[in-house]
Amino acid sequence: MALFAGLVPATNAQAAVPDRWGFAFVDVFSGVPSLAHQAGSWASPSTVTVSAGATGQVKVVFPAIAARGGVAHVTAVSPNAEWCQLQKWGPSGADEVAIVQCYKYGGAPVFTPFTIVYETSSGTLPAPQALGYIHYSGSGIVTQFNSAGGVNTVAPSGTGVWGVTLPGLGSVGPEGGLQVTAVDPQRPARCKVGSWGPSAGAQNVKVICHDATSKPINTGWTLTYQRQRAITGAAVPPRFFGYVLDTNPTAAGPYAPTPAGINFNTLVPGGNTVQNFSPGRQVTFPKIGYLRDHVQVTAFGPGPEYCNIYKLWVTPPNDAVVNGVKCYNAVTLKPERSFVSYTSEK
C-alpha cells in the first residue's frame, strides 16, 4: 500500500528514545484535522495532517516527533456500528506516521471520524503513579515500556486470547485505567480488555480479539495501562486529565463508579460520573475540560462486544462531557463495561 511507504518498523527499545506524544481528532480525511482537538510535543505552528488512501484508510502525520517504538490507540467516532484499528505506525523522516483503517461491522471498509493518540516513554515514575504499554505483533512483543523498570510479558492462551503481565505496577484492588487497540495491516480486527486482575505485584490483563463477524482472531494489538498519569505518557503530565471505568452500564445514573482507584480526576477525586444517554452512556469529567483535548474508549468484558463514541465530546464550562459511549454486540446496542480516558493539553 502506498500509504506505508517510508515507515520504519518499531523496535523493542524501552529507554533509548525521548518522551514524545501527540493526539488528534480526525474529522477530515485530507488536510488539517480539528485544531481544537489536536496537540503534541512538537513546536508551534506545526500541525497534524492527514490524507486518504483506500476506502476507510487514513494516513496521520504527527509532525517532528519521530521515534522508534512507542504505542498508539484509536477510537471511532460514529453513530453507527463501526470501529477503527491501526495498520502500522513508525518514523518517516522527522515525523511519526500512523495508518488507520476503519470498518463497518461485517468487514466493509468505511471512512468515519476517529481519535488517535501516539506516545513513547522512558525512565521511571514514583509510586503510586504508573504507566505501562505493549505493542504485540501477534507473535511477539514489538516494543514495550514499564515505569517501574519491569519487563512486561505476553502469554498466548488460545485463539484471540493473551495474558498480559505488567510487573511492578501492581495495586491493592482495581486502580488505574486501560486502553486496547487492534493492529492488523490486512484484516478487520477488534481488540478489548477481556478481564483484569490487579495484584500487589503486577497488573494482570487478558486481551481478547475478534474479527469482522465476532469470531476470535490472532492479530496484533496495543495495550496501555495508566495510573495517575495521562494517556499521553510518562512525560510531564498535563494538569487536567482523568479516566473512569463504567462498572455498571445498566445503571441509569448519574453515578460515580467505585472504588476510587478506577475513577481518577486531577481536580475532583472520584468525581467522574456516568449515566444513560440516548444512545449509549454519557461520561462527565468535571472541572478538567479544557481545549485542546482528547478521548479514548475501550470495551471491557469476555464477549465480542466493542465500543465507540457517538459524537464529538464537549467542554461546557470546564467539564468534559462525552456524549455518548456506545457499545455493540454485532450491530445491536448493548450495555457493556468500558474504560474511558480523557486528557487535556494543559
C-alpha atoms as a PDB file:
ATOM      1  CA  MET A   1       0.000   0.000   0.000  1.00  0.00           C
ATOM      2  CA  ALA A   2       1.334   3.391  -0.936  1.00  0.00           C
ATOM      3  CA  LEU A   3       0.473   4.863   2.456  1.00  0.00           C
ATOM      4  CA  PHE A   4       3.026   2.542   4.077  1.00  0.00           C
ATOM      5  CA  ALA A   5       5.942   3.950   2.089  1.00  0.00           C
ATOM      6  CA  GLY A   6       8.775   5.358   4.201  1.00  0.00           C
ATOM      7  CA  LEU A   7       7.675   3.978   7.561  1.00  0.00           C
ATOM      8  CA  VAL A   8      10.417   2.406   9.680  1.00  0.00           C
ATOM      9  CA  PRO A   9       9.251  -0.505  11.892  1.00  0.00           C
ATOM     10  CA  ALA A  10       9.117  -0.062  15.671  1.00  0.00           C
ATOM     11  CA  THR A  11      11.793  -1.679  17.847  1.00  0.00           C
ATOM     12  CA  ASN A  12      11.802  -3.221  21.317  1.00  0.00           C
ATOM     13  CA  ALA A  13      13.900  -0.478  22.939  1.00  0.00           C
ATOM     14  CA  GLN A  14      12.431   0.920  26.169  1.00  0.00           C
ATOM     15  CA  ALA A  15      14.706   3.765  27.274  1.00  0.00           C
ATOM     16  CA  ALA A  16      16.581   4.742  24.112  1.00  0.00           C
ATOM     17  CA  VAL A  17      14.199   7.456  22.916  1.00  0.00           C
ATOM     18  CA  PRO A  18      12.927  10.707  24.443  1.00  0.00           C
ATOM     19  CA  ASP A  19       9.342  11.042  25.613  1.00  0.00           C
ATOM     20  CA  ARG A  20       7.178  12.235  22.718  1.00  0.00           C
ATOM     21  CA  TRP A  21       3.433  12.374  22.222  1.00  0.00           C
ATOM     22  CA  GLY A  22       0.631  13.612  20.029  1.00  0.00           C
ATOM     23  CA  PHE A  23      -3.128  13.291  19.668  1.00  0.00           C
ATOM     24  CA  ALA A  24      -5.805  14.303  17.179  1.00  0.00           C
ATOM     25  CA  PHE A  25      -9.497  14.054  16.391  1.00  0.00           C
ATOM     26  CA  VAL A  26      -9.530  13.242  12.678  1.00  0.00           C
ATOM     27  CA  ASP A  27     -12.701  14.842  11.330  1.00  0.00           C
ATOM     28  CA  VAL A  28     -11.417  15.308   7.742  1.00  0.00           C
ATOM     29  CA  PHE A  29      -9.591  12.848   5.533  1.00  0.00           C
ATOM     30  CA  SER A  30      -7.381  15.309   3.678  1.00  0.00           C
ATOM     31  CA  GLY A  31      -5.593  18.315   5.116  1.00  0.00           C
ATOM     32  CA  VAL A  32      -5.532  19.507   8.741  1.00  0.00           C
ATOM     33  CA  PRO A  33      -7.989  17.971  11.246  1.00  0.00           C
ATOM     34  CA  SER A  34      -9.666  19.946  14.035  1.00  0.00           C
ATOM     35  CA  LEU A  35      -7.196  22.333  15.664  1.00  0.00           C
ATOM     36  CA  ALA A  36      -9.317  22.333  18.832  1.00  0.00           C
ATOM     37  CA  HIS A  37      -8.610  18.637  19.383  1.00  0.00           C
ATOM     38  CA  GLN A  38      -5.001  18.108  18.353  1.00  0.00           C
ATOM     39  CA  ALA A  39      -1.826  18.725  20.319  1.00  0.00           C
ATOM     40  CA  GLY A  40       1.610  17.241  20.768  1.00  0.00           C
ATOM     41  CA  SER A  41       5.206  17.684  21.805  1.00  0.00           C
ATOM     42  CA  TRP A  42       6.057  19.442  18.554  1.00  0.00           C
ATOM     43  CA  ALA A  43       6.744  23.158  18.261  1.00  0.00           C
ATOM     44  CA  SER A  44       4.104  25.631  17.049  1.00  0.00           C
ATOM     45  CA  PRO A  45       2.950  26.307  14.330  1.00  0.00           C
ATOM     46  CA  SER A  46       3.262  22.698  13.152  1.00  0.00           C
ATOM     47  CA  THR A  47       0.038  20.692  12.896  1.00  0.00           C
ATOM     48  CA  VAL A  48      -1.175  17.169  12.329  1.00  0.00           C
ATOM     49  CA  THR A  49      -2.014  16.454   8.687  1.00  0.00           C
ATOM     50  CA  VAL A  50      -3.993  13.591   7.158  1.00  0.00           C
ATOM     51  CA  SER A  51      -4.542  12.040   3.737  1.00  0.00           C
ATOM     52  CA  ALA A  52      -6.821   9.292   2.460  1.00  0.00           C
ATOM     53  CA  GLY A  53      -5.802   6.017   0.868  1.00  0.00           C
ATOM     54  CA  ALA A  54      -8.149   3.163   0.009  1.00  0.00           C
ATOM     55  CA  THR A  55     -11.711   3.285   1.356  1.00  0.00           C
ATOM     56  CA  GLY A  56     -11.590   3.774   5.117  1.00  0.00           C
ATOM     57  CA  GLN A  57      -7.800   4.160   5.230  1.00  0.00           C
ATOM     58  CA  VAL A  58      -6.225   7.378   6.553  1.00  0.00           C
ATOM     59  CA  LYS A  59      -2.588   8.388   6.920  1.00  0.00           C
ATOM     60  CA  VAL A  60      -1.999  10.532  10.019  1.00  0.00           C
ATOM     61  CA  VAL A  61       1.223  12.555  10.217  1.00  0.00           C
ATOM     62  CA  PHE A  62       2.368  13.800  13.623  1.00  0.00           C
ATOM     63  CA  PRO A  63       4.987  16.478  12.905  1.00  0.00           C
ATOM     64  CA  ALA A  64       8.556  16.351  14.247  1.00  0.00           C
ATOM     65  CA  ILE A  65       8.043  13.646  16.896  1.00  0.00           C
ATOM     66  CA  ALA A  66       9.546  10.682  15.028  1.00  0.00           C
ATOM     67  CA  ALA A  67      10.623   7.850  17.322  1.00  0.00           C
ATOM     68  CA  ARG A  68      11.133   4.120  17.104  1.00  0.00           C
ATOM     69  CA  GLY A  69       8.666   2.156  19.177  1.00  0.00           C
ATOM     70  CA  GLY A  70       6.011   3.730  21.330  1.00  0.00           C
ATOM     71  CA  VAL A  71       2.326   2.893  21.356  1.00  0.00           C
ATOM     72  CA  ALA A  72      -0.801   4.177  19.607  1.00  0.00           C
ATOM     73  CA  HIS A  73      -4.563   3.883  20.136  1.00  0.00           C
ATOM     74  CA  VAL A  74      -7.593   4.776  18.019  1.00  0.00           C
ATOM     75  CA  THR A  75     -11.339   5.051  18.689  1.00  0.00           C
ATOM     76  CA  ALA A  76     -14.075   5.502  16.084  1.00  0.00           C
ATOM     77  CA  VAL A  77     -16.415   8.492  16.433  1.00  0.00           C
ATOM     78  CA  SER A  78     -19.591   7.379  14.692  1.00  0.00           C
ATOM     79  CA  PRO A  79     -23.359   6.963  15.219  1.00  0.00           C
ATOM     80  CA  ASN A  80     -23.100   3.519  13.599  1.00  0.00           C
ATOM     81  CA  ALA A  81     -21.718   0.048  14.396  1.00  0.00           C
ATOM     82  CA  GLU A  82     -18.182   0.891  13.254  1.00  0.00           C
ATOM     83  CA  TRP A  83     -14.669   0.700  14.647  1.00  0.00           C
ATOM     84  CA  CYS A  84     -11.162   1.775  13.729  1.00  0.00           C
ATOM     85  CA  GLN A  85      -7.862  -0.061  14.051  1.00  0.00           C
ATOM     86  CA  LEU A  86      -4.210   0.586  13.408  1.00  0.00           C
ATOM     87  CA  GLN A  87      -2.475  -0.908  10.393  1.00  0.00           C
ATOM     88  CA  LYS A  88       1.024   0.406  11.085  1.00  0.00           C
ATOM     89  CA  TRP A  89       2.955   3.348  12.501  1.00  0.00           C
ATOM     90  CA  GLY A  90       6.558   4.475  12.628  1.00  0.00           C
ATOM     91  CA  PRO A  91       9.001   7.284  11.879  1.00  0.00           C
ATOM     92  CA  SER A  92       9.174   8.809   8.411  1.00  0.00           C
ATOM     93  CA  GLY A  93      11.907  11.416   8.378  1.00  0.00           C
ATOM     94  CA  ALA A  94      11.244  13.791  11.272  1.00  0.00           C
ATOM     95  CA  ASP A  95       7.562  12.811  11.521  1.00  0.00           C
ATOM     96  CA  GLU A  96       5.673   9.982  13.172  1.00  0.00           C
ATOM     97  CA  VAL A  97       3.196   8.450  10.726  1.00  0.00           C
ATOM     98  CA  ALA A  98       0.267   6.165  11.540  1.00  0.00           C
ATOM     99  CA  ILE A  99      -2.032   4.331   9.122  1.00  0.00           C
ATOM    100  CA  VAL A 100      -5.584   3.889  10.417  1.00  0.00           C
ATOM    101  CA  GLN A 101      -8.292   1.702   8.861  1.00  0.00           C
ATOM    102  CA  CYS A 102     -11.973   1.810   9.803  1.00  0.00           C
ATOM    103  CA  TYR A 103     -14.723  -0.765   9.179  1.00  0.00           C
ATOM    104  CA  LYS A 104     -18.423  -1.383   9.486  1.00  0.00           C
ATOM    105  CA  TYR A 105     -19.498  -4.475  11.377  1.00  0.00           C
ATOM    106  CA  GLY A 106     -19.122  -7.340   8.913  1.00  0.00           C
ATOM    107  CA  GLY A 107     -15.866  -6.003   7.494  1.00  0.00           C
ATOM    108  CA  ALA A 108     -16.809  -3.425   4.848  1.00  0.00           C
ATOM    109  CA  PRO A 109     -14.280  -0.560   4.944  1.00  0.00           C
ATOM    110  CA  VAL A 110     -15.714   2.876   5.704  1.00  0.00           C
ATOM    111  CA  PHE A 111     -14.483   6.406   6.256  1.00  0.00           C
ATOM    112  CA  THR A 112     -15.503   7.593   9.716  1.00  0.00           C
ATOM    113  CA  PRO A 113     -14.016  10.187  12.089  1.00  0.00           C
ATOM    114  CA  PHE A 114     -11.749   8.835  14.823  1.00  0.00           C
ATOM    115  CA  THR A 115      -9.480   9.834  17.666  1.00  0.00           C
ATOM    116  CA  ILE A 116      -5.815   8.804  17.687  1.00  0.00           C
ATOM    117  CA  VAL A 117      -3.037   9.125  20.261  1.00  0.00           C
ATOM    118  CA  TYR A 118       0.646   8.221  19.957  1.00  0.00           C
ATOM    119  CA  GLU A 119       3.274   8.313  22.687  1.00  0.00           C
ATOM    120  CA  THR A 120       6.670   6.930  23.586  1.00  0.00           C
ATOM    121  CA  SER A 121       8.008   6.933  27.148  1.00  0.00           C
ATOM    122  CA  SER A 122      11.224   6.247  29.036  1.00  0.00           C
ATOM    123  CA  GLY A 123      12.523   6.357  32.607  1.00  0.00           C
ATOM    124  CA  THR A 124      10.609   5.560  35.784  1.00  0.00           C
ATOM    125  CA  LEU A 125       7.778   7.121  37.783  1.00  0.00           C
ATOM    126  CA  PRO A 126       7.387   7.471  41.558  1.00  0.00           C
ATOM    127  CA  ALA A 127       4.647   5.250  43.023  1.00  0.00           C
ATOM    128  CA  PRO A 128       1.682   5.354  43.091  1.00  0.00           C
ATOM    129  CA  GLN A 129       1.939   6.789  39.579  1.00  0.00           C
ATOM    130  CA  ALA A 130       2.356   4.090  36.955  1.00  0.00           C
ATOM    131  CA  LEU A 131       2.410   3.645  33.208  1.00  0.00           C
ATOM    132  CA  GLY A 132       2.957   0.589  31.075  1.00  0.00           C
ATOM    133  CA  TYR A 133       2.410  -0.267  27.441  1.00  0.00           C
ATOM    134  CA  ILE A 134       2.920  -3.073  24.944  1.00  0.00           C
ATOM    135  CA  HIS A 135       2.781  -3.328  21.172  1.00  0.00           C
ATOM    136  CA  TYR A 136       2.266  -7.015  20.382  1.00  0.00           C
ATOM    137  CA  SER A 137       2.588  -8.213  16.783  1.00  0.00           C
ATOM    138  CA  GLY A 138       0.549 -11.413  17.108  1.00  0.00           C
ATOM    139  CA  SER A 139       3.700 -13.491  17.519  1.00  0.00           C
ATOM    140  CA  GLY A 140       5.741 -11.455  19.991  1.00  0.00           C
ATOM    141  CA  ILE A 141       6.306  -8.122  21.717  1.00  0.00           C
ATOM    142  CA  VAL A 142       7.486  -5.421  19.309  1.00  0.00           C
ATOM    143  CA  THR A 143       8.006  -2.674  21.849  1.00  0.00           C
ATOM    144  CA  GLN A 144       7.126  -2.073  25.494  1.00  0.00           C
ATOM    145  CA  PHE A 145       7.508   0.272  28.450  1.00  0.00           C
ATOM    146  CA  ASN A 146       7.150  -0.193  32.216  1.00  0.00           C
ATOM    147  CA  SER A 147       7.513   2.804  34.542  1.00  0.00           C
ATOM    148  CA  ALA A 148       8.700   0.541  37.386  1.00  0.00           C
ATOM    149  CA  GLY A 149      11.518  -0.778  35.223  1.00  0.00           C
ATOM    150  CA  GLY A 150       9.994  -4.248  34.919  1.00  0.00           C
ATOM    151  CA  VAL A 151       9.776  -6.380  31.804  1.00  0.00           C
ATOM    152  CA  ASN A 152       6.204  -6.831  30.592  1.00  0.00           C
ATOM    153  CA  THR A 153       5.221 -10.279  29.326  1.00  0.00           C
ATOM    154  CA  VAL A 154       2.567 -11.702  27.000  1.00  0.00           C
ATOM    155  CA  ALA A 155       1.408 -15.340  27.044  1.00  0.00           C
ATOM    156  CA  PRO A 156      -0.910 -16.611  24.253  1.00  0.00           C
ATOM    157  CA  SER A 157      -3.840 -18.605  25.646  1.00  0.00           C
ATOM    158  CA  GLY A 158      -5.863 -19.903  22.703  1.00  0.00           C
ATOM    159  CA  THR A 159      -7.092 -18.212  19.542  1.00  0.00           C
ATOM    160  CA  GLY A 160      -7.500 -14.495  20.093  1.00  0.00           C
ATOM    161  CA  VAL A 161      -6.606 -14.581  23.792  1.00  0.00           C
ATOM    162  CA  TRP A 162      -3.441 -13.360  25.553  1.00  0.00           C
ATOM    163  CA  GLY A 163      -2.470 -12.995  29.186  1.00  0.00           C
ATOM    164  CA  VAL A 164      -0.515  -9.796  29.876  1.00  0.00           C
ATOM    165  CA  THR A 165       1.568  -9.147  32.991  1.00  0.00           C
ATOM    166  CA  LEU A 166       2.877  -5.681  33.889  1.00  0.00           C
ATOM    167  CA  PRO A 167       5.225  -6.385  36.833  1.00  0.00           C
ATOM    168  CA  GLY A 168       5.952  -3.735  39.438  1.00  0.00           C
ATOM    169  CA  LEU A 169       2.808  -1.766  38.550  1.00  0.00           C
ATOM    170  CA  GLY A 170       0.550  -3.643  40.943  1.00  0.00           C
ATOM    171  CA  SER A 171      -2.140  -2.229  43.205  1.00  0.00           C
ATOM    172  CA  VAL A 172      -4.233  -3.422  46.113  1.00  0.00           C
ATOM    173  CA  GLY A 173      -7.538  -3.729  44.301  1.00  0.00           C
ATOM    174  CA  PRO A 174      -8.553  -2.195  40.978  1.00  0.00           C
ATOM    175  CA  GLU A 175      -6.738   1.057  40.333  1.00  0.00           C
ATOM    176  CA  GLY A 176      -5.948   2.799  37.054  1.00  0.00           C
ATOM    177  CA  GLY A 177      -7.304   2.545  33.530  1.00  0.00           C
ATOM    178  CA  LEU A 178      -6.678   0.509  30.386  1.00  0.00           C
ATOM    179  CA  GLN A 179      -6.865   1.036  26.634  1.00  0.00           C
ATOM    180  CA  VAL A 180      -6.506  -1.658  23.942  1.00  0.00           C
ATOM    181  CA  THR A 181      -6.486  -1.304  20.125  1.00  0.00           C
ATOM    182  CA  ALA A 182      -6.184  -3.879  17.326  1.00  0.00           C
ATOM    183  CA  VAL A 183      -3.184  -3.687  14.969  1.00  0.00           C
ATOM    184  CA  ASP A 184      -3.564  -5.534  11.672  1.00  0.00           C
ATOM    185  CA  PRO A 185      -2.430  -4.325   8.221  1.00  0.00           C
ATOM    186  CA  GLN A 186      -4.719  -6.595   6.208  1.00  0.00           C
ATOM    187  CA  ARG A 187      -7.757  -7.908   8.092  1.00  0.00           C
ATOM    188  CA  PRO A 188     -10.557  -6.324  10.102  1.00  0.00           C
ATOM    189  CA  ALA A 189      -9.869  -6.881  13.805  1.00  0.00           C
ATOM    190  CA  ARG A 190     -11.200  -5.583  17.126  1.00  0.00           C
ATOM    191  CA  CYS A 191      -9.450  -5.973  20.481  1.00  0.00           C
ATOM    192  CA  LYS A 192     -10.537  -5.222  24.031  1.00  0.00           C
ATOM    193  CA  VAL A 193      -9.901  -5.961  27.701  1.00  0.00           C
ATOM    194  CA  GLY A 194     -11.341  -9.394  28.410  1.00  0.00           C
ATOM    195  CA  SER A 195     -10.523  -9.411  32.121  1.00  0.00           C
ATOM    196  CA  TRP A 196      -8.391  -7.509  34.610  1.00  0.00           C
ATOM    197  CA  GLY A 197      -6.811  -8.940  37.748  1.00  0.00           C
ATOM    198  CA  PRO A 198      -4.805  -6.386  39.734  1.00  0.00           C
ATOM    199  CA  SER A 199      -2.442  -7.749  42.381  1.00  0.00           C
ATOM    200  CA  ALA A 200       0.091  -6.180  44.727  1.00  0.00           C
ATOM    201  CA  GLY A 201       2.947  -7.213  42.441  1.00  0.00           C
ATOM    202  CA  ALA A 202       1.540  -6.681  38.954  1.00  0.00           C
ATOM    203  CA  GLN A 203      -1.340  -5.696  36.742  1.00  0.00           C
ATOM    204  CA  ASN A 204      -2.696  -8.842  35.050  1.00  0.00           C
ATOM    205  CA  VAL A 205      -4.809  -8.271  31.952  1.00  0.00           C
ATOM    206  CA  LYS A 206      -6.450 -10.571  29.441  1.00  0.00           C
ATOM    207  CA  VAL A 207      -6.581  -9.153  25.902  1.00  0.00           C
ATOM    208  CA  ILE A 208      -9.114 -10.690  23.528  1.00  0.00           C
ATOM    209  CA  CYS A 209      -9.578 -10.021  19.804  1.00  0.00           C
ATOM    210  CA  HIS A 210     -12.307 -10.761  17.261  1.00  0.00           C
ATOM    211  CA  ASP A 211     -12.669 -10.491  13.506  1.00  0.00           C
ATOM    212  CA  ALA A 212     -15.270  -8.631  11.456  1.00  0.00           C
ATOM    213  CA  THR A 213     -18.024 -11.096  12.399  1.00  0.00           C
ATOM    214  CA  SER A 214     -17.066 -11.614  16.063  1.00  0.00           C
ATOM    215  CA  LYS A 215     -15.001 -14.785  15.688  1.00  0.00           C
ATOM    216  CA  PRO A 216     -11.785 -14.982  17.771  1.00  0.00           C
ATOM    217  CA  ILE A 217      -8.729 -13.996  15.732  1.00  0.00           C
ATOM    218  CA  ASN A 218      -4.982 -13.949  16.271  1.00  0.00           C
ATOM    219  CA  THR A 219      -3.803 -10.453  15.446  1.00  0.00           C
ATOM    220  CA  GLY A 220      -1.605  -7.659  16.715  1.00  0.00           C
ATOM    221  CA  TRP A 221      -2.657  -5.161  19.352  1.00  0.00           C
ATOM    222  CA  THR A 222      -1.568  -2.350  21.644  1.00  0.00           C
ATOM    223  CA  LEU A 223      -2.262  -2.013  25.360  1.00  0.00           C
ATOM    224  CA  THR A 224      -1.698   0.920  27.710  1.00  0.00           C
ATOM    225  CA  TYR A 225      -2.128   0.882  31.492  1.00  0.00           C
ATOM    226  CA  GLN A 226      -2.310   4.288  33.203  1.00  0.00           C
ATOM    227  CA  ARG A 227      -2.456   5.170  36.907  1.00  0.00           C
ATOM    228  CA  GLN A 228      -2.480   8.832  37.960  1.00  0.00           C
ATOM    229  CA  ARG A 229      -0.840   9.558  34.615  1.00  0.00           C
ATOM    230  CA  ALA A 230      -2.306  10.847  31.348  1.00  0.00           C
ATOM    231  CA  ILE A 231      -2.735   8.613  28.303  1.00  0.00           C
ATOM    232  CA  THR A 232      -0.076  10.773  26.620  1.00  0.00           C
ATOM    233  CA  GLY A 233       2.665   9.016  28.592  1.00  0.00           C
ATOM    234  CA  ALA A 234       5.422   9.433  31.139  1.00  0.00           C
ATOM    235  CA  ALA A 235       6.456  12.930  30.063  1.00  0.00           C
ATOM    236  CA  VAL A 236       5.499  15.846  32.347  1.00  0.00           C
ATOM    237  CA  PRO A 237       1.727  15.289  32.715  1.00  0.00           C
ATOM    238  CA  PRO A 238      -0.960  17.871  31.978  1.00  0.00           C
ATOM    239  CA  ARG A 239      -2.826  19.401  34.916  1.00  0.00           C
ATOM    240  CA  PHE A 240      -6.203  18.266  33.618  1.00  0.00           C
ATOM    241  CA  PHE A 241      -6.836  14.600  32.860  1.00  0.00           C
ATOM    242  CA  GLY A 242      -8.862  11.671  34.115  1.00  0.00           C
ATOM    243  CA  TYR A 243     -10.099   8.172  33.453  1.00  0.00           C
ATOM    244  CA  VAL A 244     -13.016   6.047  34.586  1.00  0.00           C
ATOM    245  CA  LEU A 245     -14.361   2.504  34.280  1.00  0.00           C
ATOM    246  CA  ASP A 246     -18.131   2.244  33.818  1.00  0.00           C
ATOM    247  CA  THR A 247     -18.632  -0.784  36.065  1.00  0.00           C
ATOM    248  CA  ASN A 248     -22.445  -0.782  35.937  1.00  0.00           C
ATOM    249  CA  PRO A 249     -23.563   0.003  32.376  1.00  0.00           C
ATOM    250  CA  THR A 250     -27.222  -0.773  33.138  1.00  0.00           C
ATOM    251  CA  ALA A 251     -27.443   1.868  35.871  1.00  0.00           C
ATOM    252  CA  ALA A 252     -29.477   4.882  34.761  1.00  0.00           C
ATOM    253  CA  GLY A 253     -27.244   7.177  36.816  1.00  0.00           C
ATOM    254  CA  PRO A 254     -25.666   9.556  37.137  1.00  0.00           C
ATOM    255  CA  TYR A 255     -23.392   7.528  39.382  1.00  0.00           C
ATOM    256  CA  ALA A 256     -19.732   7.773  40.333  1.00  0.00           C
ATOM    257  CA  PRO A 257     -18.031   4.390  39.741  1.00  0.00           C
ATOM    258  CA  THR A 258     -16.152   2.882  42.668  1.00  0.00           C
ATOM    259  CA  PRO A 259     -13.628   2.075  44.025  1.00  0.00           C
ATOM    260  CA  ALA A 260     -11.927   5.449  43.806  1.00  0.00           C
ATOM    261  CA  GLY A 261      -8.902   3.974  42.051  1.00  0.00           C
ATOM    262  CA  ILE A 262     -10.835   3.432  38.819  1.00  0.00           C
ATOM    263  CA  ASN A 263     -12.354   6.935  38.908  1.00  0.00           C
ATOM    264  CA  PHE A 264      -9.497   9.423  38.644  1.00  0.00           C
ATOM    265  CA  ASN A 265      -9.774  13.178  38.114  1.00  0.00           C
ATOM    266  CA  THR A 266      -6.916  15.599  38.778  1.00  0.00           C
ATOM    267  CA  LEU A 267      -9.245  18.209  40.307  1.00  0.00           C
ATOM    268  CA  VAL A 268     -12.249  16.254  41.611  1.00  0.00           C
ATOM    269  CA  PRO A 269     -11.067  12.945  43.112  1.00  0.00           C
ATOM    270  CA  GLY A 270     -13.602  10.202  42.395  1.00  0.00           C
ATOM    271  CA  GLY A 271     -15.919  12.767  40.841  1.00  0.00           C
ATOM    272  CA  ASN A 272     -16.365  11.460  37.294  1.00  0.00           C
ATOM    273  CA  THR A 273     -19.932  10.297  36.625  1.00  0.00           C
ATOM    274  CA  VAL A 274     -21.704   8.009  34.164  1.00  0.00           C
ATOM    275  CA  GLN A 275     -25.369   7.996  33.170  1.00  0.00           C
ATOM    276  CA  ASN A 276     -27.708   6.921  30.404  1.00  0.00           C
ATOM    277  CA  PHE A 277     -27.609   8.901  27.179  1.00  0.00           C
ATOM    278  CA  SER A 278     -29.598   8.241  24.058  1.00  0.00           C
ATOM    279  CA  PRO A 279     -27.833   6.432  22.518  1.00  0.00           C
ATOM    280  CA  GLY A 280     -25.270   4.937  24.878  1.00  0.00           C
ATOM    281  CA  ARG A 281     -23.722   6.416  28.000  1.00  0.00           C
ATOM    282  CA  GLN A 282     -22.765   9.955  28.998  1.00  0.00           C
ATOM    283  CA  VAL A 283     -19.436  10.237  30.810  1.00  0.00           C
ATOM    284  CA  THR A 284     -18.654  13.522  32.601  1.00  0.00           C
ATOM    285  CA  PHE A 285     -15.216  14.593  33.821  1.00  0.00           C
ATOM    286  CA  PRO A 286     -15.965  17.667  35.998  1.00  0.00           C
ATOM    287  CA  LYS A 287     -13.667  20.711  36.126  1.00  0.00           C
ATOM    288  CA  ILE A 288     -10.981  19.336  33.764  1.00  0.00           C
ATOM    289  CA  GLY A 289     -12.498  20.097  30.351  1.00  0.00           C
ATOM    290  CA  TYR A 290     -10.015  22.311  28.520  1.00  0.00           C
ATOM    291  CA  LEU A 291      -9.157  22.523  24.847  1.00  0.00           C
ATOM    292  CA  ARG A 292      -7.083  21.109  23.269  1.00  0.00           C
ATOM    293  CA  ASP A 293      -8.205  17.694  24.421  1.00  0.00           C
ATOM    294  CA  HIS A 294      -8.622  14.012  23.653  1.00  0.00           C
ATOM    295  CA  VAL A 295     -10.720  10.899  24.437  1.00  0.00           C
ATOM    296  CA  GLN A 296     -10.125   7.146  24.049  1.00  0.00           C
ATOM    297  CA  VAL A 297     -12.593   4.319  24.777  1.00  0.00           C
ATOM    298  CA  THR A 298     -12.129   0.535  25.168  1.00  0.00           C
ATOM    299  CA  ALA A 299     -14.695  -2.193  25.848  1.00  0.00           C
ATOM    300  CA  PHE A 300     -14.294  -4.476  28.885  1.00  0.00           C
ATOM    301  CA  GLY A 301     -15.783  -7.947  29.091  1.00  0.00           C
ATOM    302  CA  PRO A 302     -15.439 -11.577  27.948  1.00  0.00           C
ATOM    303  CA  GLY A 303     -17.559 -11.365  24.781  1.00  0.00           C
ATOM    304  CA  PRO A 304     -17.116  -9.860  21.287  1.00  0.00           C
ATOM    305  CA  GLU A 305     -18.709  -6.511  22.157  1.00  0.00           C
ATOM    306  CA  TYR A 306     -16.926  -3.331  21.095  1.00  0.00           C
ATOM    307  CA  CYS A 307     -17.380   0.377  21.835  1.00  0.00           C
ATOM    308  CA  ASN A 308     -17.049   3.708  20.065  1.00  0.00           C
ATOM    309  CA  ILE A 309     -18.026   7.349  20.645  1.00  0.00           C
ATOM    310  CA  TYR A 310     -21.362   8.565  19.274  1.00  0.00           C
ATOM    311  CA  LYS A 311     -20.213  12.111  18.523  1.00  0.00           C
ATOM    312  CA  LEU A 312     -17.586  14.672  19.443  1.00  0.00           C
ATOM    313  CA  TRP A 313     -17.417  15.385  23.183  1.00  0.00           C
ATOM    314  CA  VAL A 314     -17.997  18.906  24.516  1.00  0.00           C
ATOM    315  CA  THR A 315     -16.481  21.082  27.248  1.00  0.00           C
ATOM    316  CA  PRO A 316     -19.213  23.302  28.728  1.00  0.00           C
ATOM    317  CA  PRO A 317     -17.589  25.490  31.323  1.00  0.00           C
ATOM    318  CA  ASN A 318     -14.643  23.310  32.235  1.00  0.00           C
ATOM    319  CA  ASP A 319     -16.476  19.971  32.299  1.00  0.00           C
ATOM    320  CA  ALA A 320     -15.564  17.368  29.676  1.00  0.00           C
ATOM    321  CA  VAL A 321     -18.769  15.588  28.613  1.00  0.00           C
ATOM    322  CA  VAL A 322     -18.601  12.541  26.356  1.00  0.00           C
ATOM    323  CA  ASN A 323     -21.999  12.035  24.648  1.00  0.00           C
ATOM    324  CA  GLY A 324     -22.034   9.140  24.435  1.00  0.00           C
ATOM    325  CA  VAL A 325     -20.064   5.939  24.686  1.00  0.00           C
ATOM    326  CA  LYS A 326     -21.855   3.282  22.603  1.00  0.00           C
ATOM    327  CA  CYS A 327     -21.166  -0.443  22.759  1.00  0.00           C
ATOM    328  CA  TYR A 328     -22.372  -3.076  20.307  1.00  0.00           C
ATOM    329  CA  ASN A 329     -22.855  -6.806  20.035  1.00  0.00           C
ATOM    330  CA  ALA A 330     -22.653  -7.136  16.242  1.00  0.00           C
ATOM    331  CA  VAL A 331     -24.898  -4.211  15.170  1.00  0.00           C
ATOM    332  CA  THR A 332     -27.122  -4.161  18.278  1.00  0.00           C
ATOM    333  CA  LEU A 333     -26.508  -1.672  21.071  1.00  0.00           C
ATOM    334  CA  LYS A 334     -25.712  -3.471  24.316  1.00  0.00           C
ATOM    335  CA  PRO A 335     -24.744  -2.298  27.809  1.00  0.00           C
ATOM    336  CA  GLU A 336     -21.041  -3.080  28.202  1.00  0.00           C
ATOM    337  CA  ARG A 337     -18.446  -2.062  30.733  1.00  0.00           C
ATOM    338  CA  SER A 338     -15.977   0.369  29.221  1.00  0.00           C
ATOM    339  CA  PHE A 339     -12.813   2.269  30.038  1.00  0.00           C
ATOM    340  CA  VAL A 340     -12.840   5.970  29.104  1.00  0.00           C
ATOM    341  CA  SER A 341      -9.699   8.120  29.188  1.00  0.00           C
ATOM    342  CA  TYR A 342      -9.738  11.926  28.865  1.00  0.00           C
ATOM    343  CA  THR A 343      -6.815  14.322  28.702  1.00  0.00           C
ATOM    344  CA  SER A 344      -6.302  17.992  28.041  1.00  0.00           C
ATOM    345  CA  GLU A 345      -3.168  19.506  26.590  1.00  0.00           C
ATOM    346  CA  LYS A 346      -2.983  21.902  29.556  1.00  0.00           C
END
